[in-house]
Amino acid sequence: MRTDKKLLVKGFKFIGYTTGLMFLAPFVIYQAFKNEEHPAYIPVLIIGLILAIAAIAFGFYTIKIFMDSLFGKKTKN
């Protein structure tokens, strides 16, 4: 069992994307709730929620990449 270095590097890249989304999503949602009277309230809130869902999905995908790089993909014989 050897570590797949290409997948490990890919995992670290996705950690960067995930971290960015984890900080960006709450910021966008906060800005939406801060400006509830603004006409762009609903679109900004929807964008923030999409970013939050994407952060969660990227988090799970990143964990999957790390598991695959450390333990290898299961192949059928």
N, C-alpha and C. Protein backbone atom coordinates (compact mmCIF):
# COMPACT_ATOMS: atom_id res chain seq x y z
N MET A 1 0.85 -1.18 0.00
CA MET A 1 0.00 0.00 0.00
C MET A 1 0.89 1.24 0.00
N ARG A 2 0.91 1.89 -1.12
CA ARG A 2 1.70 3.10 -1.24
C ARG A 2 0.76 4.28 -1.44
N THR A 3 1.23 5.44 -1.02
CA THR A 3 0.44 6.65 -1.18
C THR A 3 0.54 7.14 -2.61
N ASP A 4 -0.61 7.41 -3.21
CA ASP A 4 -0.65 7.97 -4.57
C ASP A 4 -0.42 9.47 -4.45
N LYS A 5 0.76 9.90 -4.84
CA LYS A 5 1.15 11.30 -4.63
C LYS A 5 0.34 12.27 -5.50
N LYS A 6 -0.05 11.83 -6.70
CA LYS A 6 -0.85 12.70 -7.56
C LYS A 6 -2.22 12.96 -6.93
N LEU A 7 -2.83 11.92 -6.39
CA LEU A 7 -4.12 12.11 -5.73
C LEU A 7 -3.97 12.93 -4.45
N LEU A 8 -2.86 12.76 -3.75
CA LEU A 8 -2.63 13.53 -2.53
C LEU A 8 -2.51 15.02 -2.84
N VAL A 9 -1.79 15.36 -3.91
CA VAL A 9 -1.67 16.76 -4.32
C VAL A 9 -3.03 17.30 -4.74
N LYS A 10 -3.80 16.48 -5.46
CA LYS A 10 -5.16 16.88 -5.85
C LYS A 10 -6.01 17.13 -4.61
N GLY A 11 -5.84 16.30 -3.59
CA GLY A 11 -6.57 16.50 -2.34
C GLY A 11 -6.23 17.80 -1.66
N PHE A 12 -4.93 18.16 -1.67
CA PHE A 12 -4.53 19.42 -1.07
C PHE A 12 -5.08 20.61 -1.84
N LYS A 13 -5.17 20.49 -3.17
CA LYS A 13 -5.78 21.56 -3.96
C LYS A 13 -7.24 21.72 -3.58
N PHE A 14 -7.94 20.60 -3.43
CA PHE A 14 -9.35 20.67 -3.07
C PHE A 14 -9.55 21.18 -1.65
N ILE A 15 -8.58 20.98 -0.77
CA ILE A 15 -8.68 21.57 0.57
C ILE A 15 -8.68 23.08 0.46
N GLY A 16 -7.86 23.61 -0.45
CA GLY A 16 -7.85 25.06 -0.67
C GLY A 16 -9.19 25.57 -1.18
N TYR A 17 -9.77 24.86 -2.14
CA TYR A 17 -11.09 25.26 -2.65
C TYR A 17 -12.15 25.17 -1.56
N THR A 18 -12.10 24.10 -0.79
CA THR A 18 -13.08 23.90 0.27
C THR A 18 -12.97 24.99 1.33
N THR A 19 -11.74 25.30 1.72
CA THR A 19 -11.53 26.34 2.72
C THR A 19 -12.04 27.69 2.22
N GLY A 20 -11.76 27.99 0.97
CA GLY A 20 -12.26 29.24 0.40
C GLY A 20 -13.78 29.31 0.43
N LEU A 21 -14.42 28.22 0.04
CA LEU A 21 -15.89 28.20 0.07
C LEU A 21 -16.43 28.26 1.50
N MET A 22 -15.71 27.65 2.44
CA MET A 22 -16.17 27.67 3.83
C MET A 22 -16.14 29.08 4.42
N PHE A 23 -15.25 29.93 3.93
CA PHE A 23 -15.23 31.31 4.41
C PHE A 23 -16.14 32.21 3.56
N LEU A 24 -16.24 31.93 2.27
CA LEU A 24 -17.02 32.78 1.38
C LEU A 24 -18.53 32.63 1.60
N ALA A 25 -19.00 31.41 1.79
CA ALA A 25 -20.43 31.16 1.91
C ALA A 25 -21.05 31.90 3.11
N PRO A 26 -20.51 31.79 4.32
CA PRO A 26 -21.11 32.54 5.43
C PRO A 26 -21.04 34.05 5.24
N PHE A 27 -19.96 34.52 4.61
CA PHE A 27 -19.84 35.95 4.35
C PHE A 27 -20.95 36.44 3.43
N VAL A 28 -21.22 35.68 2.35
CA VAL A 28 -22.27 36.08 1.40
C VAL A 28 -23.64 36.01 2.07
N ILE A 29 -23.87 34.97 2.86
CA ILE A 29 -25.16 34.85 3.56
C ILE A 29 -25.33 35.98 4.56
N TYR A 30 -24.26 36.34 5.27
CA TYR A 30 -24.32 37.46 6.22
C TYR A 30 -24.64 38.77 5.50
N GLN A 31 -24.00 38.99 4.36
CA GLN A 31 -24.27 40.21 3.60
C GLN A 31 -25.72 40.26 3.12
N ALA A 32 -26.26 39.10 2.76
CA ALA A 32 -27.66 39.06 2.32
C ALA A 32 -28.58 39.44 3.47
N PHE A 33 -28.36 38.88 4.65
CA PHE A 33 -29.24 39.18 5.79
C PHE A 33 -29.03 40.59 6.31
N LYS A 34 -27.85 41.15 6.08
CA LYS A 34 -27.59 42.53 6.52
C LYS A 34 -28.35 43.53 5.66
N ASN A 35 -28.64 43.18 4.41
CA ASN A 35 -29.31 44.09 3.48
C ASN A 35 -30.65 43.51 3.03
N GLU A 36 -31.51 43.20 3.97
CA GLU A 36 -32.80 42.57 3.65
C GLU A 36 -33.71 43.49 2.83
N GLU A 37 -33.56 44.79 2.95
CA GLU A 37 -34.44 45.71 2.22
C GLU A 37 -33.96 45.95 0.78
N HIS A 38 -32.78 45.48 0.45
CA HIS A 38 -32.23 45.67 -0.89
C HIS A 38 -32.93 44.74 -1.88
N PRO A 39 -33.14 45.19 -3.13
CA PRO A 39 -33.82 44.33 -4.11
C PRO A 39 -33.06 43.06 -4.48
N ALA A 40 -31.75 43.05 -4.28
CA ALA A 40 -30.95 41.87 -4.63
C ALA A 40 -30.81 40.91 -3.46
N TYR A 41 -31.66 41.04 -2.44
CA TYR A 41 -31.58 40.21 -1.24
C TYR A 41 -31.74 38.73 -1.56
N ILE A 42 -32.78 38.37 -2.29
CA ILE A 42 -33.07 36.97 -2.59
C ILE A 42 -31.97 36.34 -3.47
N PRO A 43 -31.54 37.00 -4.57
CA PRO A 43 -30.47 36.38 -5.37
C PRO A 43 -29.17 36.18 -4.59
N VAL A 44 -28.80 37.14 -3.75
CA VAL A 44 -27.57 37.02 -2.97
C VAL A 44 -27.71 35.90 -1.94
N LEU A 45 -28.88 35.77 -1.34
CA LEU A 45 -29.11 34.70 -0.38
C LEU A 45 -29.05 33.34 -1.06
N ILE A 46 -29.62 33.23 -2.23
CA ILE A 46 -29.58 31.97 -2.98
C ILE A 46 -28.14 31.61 -3.35
N ILE A 47 -27.37 32.59 -3.79
CA ILE A 47 -25.96 32.35 -4.12
C ILE A 47 -25.20 31.89 -2.88
N GLY A 48 -25.47 32.51 -1.75
CA GLY A 48 -24.81 32.11 -0.50
C GLY A 48 -25.16 30.69 -0.10
N LEU A 49 -26.42 30.31 -0.25
CA LEU A 49 -26.83 28.95 0.09
C LEU A 49 -26.22 27.93 -0.87
N ILE A 50 -26.13 28.28 -2.15
CA ILE A 50 -25.48 27.39 -3.12
C ILE A 50 -24.00 27.21 -2.77
N LEU A 51 -23.35 28.30 -2.38
CA LEU A 51 -21.94 28.21 -1.97
C LEU A 51 -21.78 27.35 -0.72
N ALA A 52 -22.72 27.45 0.22
CA ALA A 52 -22.65 26.64 1.43
C ALA A 52 -22.82 25.16 1.11
N ILE A 53 -23.75 24.84 0.23
CA ILE A 53 -23.94 23.45 -0.18
C ILE A 53 -22.71 22.94 -0.92
N ALA A 54 -22.13 23.80 -1.75
CA ALA A 54 -20.92 23.42 -2.48
C ALA A 54 -19.75 23.18 -1.51
N ALA A 55 -19.66 23.97 -0.44
CA ALA A 55 -18.59 23.78 0.54
C ALA A 55 -18.72 22.42 1.22
N ILE A 56 -19.94 22.04 1.55
CA ILE A 56 -20.16 20.73 2.17
C ILE A 56 -19.82 19.61 1.20
N ALA A 57 -20.26 19.75 -0.05
CA ALA A 57 -19.99 18.71 -1.05
C ALA A 57 -18.49 18.61 -1.32
N PHE A 58 -17.80 19.74 -1.44
CA PHE A 58 -16.36 19.71 -1.66
C PHE A 58 -15.64 19.09 -0.47
N GLY A 59 -16.15 19.32 0.73
CA GLY A 59 -15.55 18.71 1.92
C GLY A 59 -15.60 17.19 1.86
N PHE A 60 -16.77 16.65 1.52
CA PHE A 60 -16.88 15.20 1.41
C PHE A 60 -16.03 14.66 0.27
N TYR A 61 -16.00 15.37 -0.85
CA TYR A 61 -15.20 14.93 -1.99
C TYR A 61 -13.71 14.96 -1.65
N THR A 62 -13.28 15.96 -0.90
CA THR A 62 -11.89 16.05 -0.49
C THR A 62 -11.50 14.88 0.41
N ILE A 63 -12.38 14.53 1.34
CA ILE A 63 -12.12 13.38 2.20
C ILE A 63 -12.01 12.11 1.37
N LYS A 64 -12.88 11.97 0.36
CA LYS A 64 -12.84 10.80 -0.51
C LYS A 64 -11.51 10.74 -1.27
N ILE A 65 -11.04 11.87 -1.77
CA ILE A 65 -9.76 11.91 -2.49
C ILE A 65 -8.62 11.49 -1.57
N PHE A 66 -8.62 12.00 -0.34
CA PHE A 66 -7.56 11.63 0.60
C PHE A 66 -7.61 10.14 0.93
N MET A 67 -8.78 9.60 1.13
CA MET A 67 -8.90 8.17 1.42
C MET A 67 -8.41 7.33 0.23
N ASP A 68 -8.76 7.76 -0.97
CA ASP A 68 -8.30 7.03 -2.16
C ASP A 68 -6.78 7.13 -2.32
N SER A 69 -6.20 8.28 -1.99
CA SER A 69 -4.76 8.42 -2.15
C SER A 69 -4.00 7.63 -1.09
N LEU A 70 -4.54 7.54 0.11
CA LEU A 70 -3.82 6.83 1.17
C LEU A 70 -4.04 5.33 1.13
N PHE A 71 -5.26 4.90 0.87
CA PHE A 71 -5.58 3.48 0.95
C PHE A 71 -5.84 2.83 -0.39
N GLY A 72 -5.89 3.59 -1.46
CA GLY A 72 -6.11 3.05 -2.79
C GLY A 72 -7.58 2.81 -3.07
N LYS A 73 -7.90 2.81 -4.35
CA LYS A 73 -9.26 2.56 -4.76
C LYS A 73 -9.52 1.06 -4.73
N LYS A 74 -10.72 0.69 -4.36
CA LYS A 74 -11.08 -0.72 -4.37
C LYS A 74 -11.43 -1.11 -5.80
N THR A 75 -10.79 -2.14 -6.28
CA THR A 75 -11.04 -2.61 -7.63
C THR A 75 -11.68 -3.99 -7.57
N LYS A 76 -12.56 -4.24 -8.52
CA LYS A 76 -13.20 -5.53 -8.59
C LYS A 76 -12.30 -6.50 -9.37
N ASN A 77 -12.20 -7.70 -8.89
CA ASN A 77 -11.36 -8.70 -9.57
C ASN A 77 -12.09 -9.41 -10.66
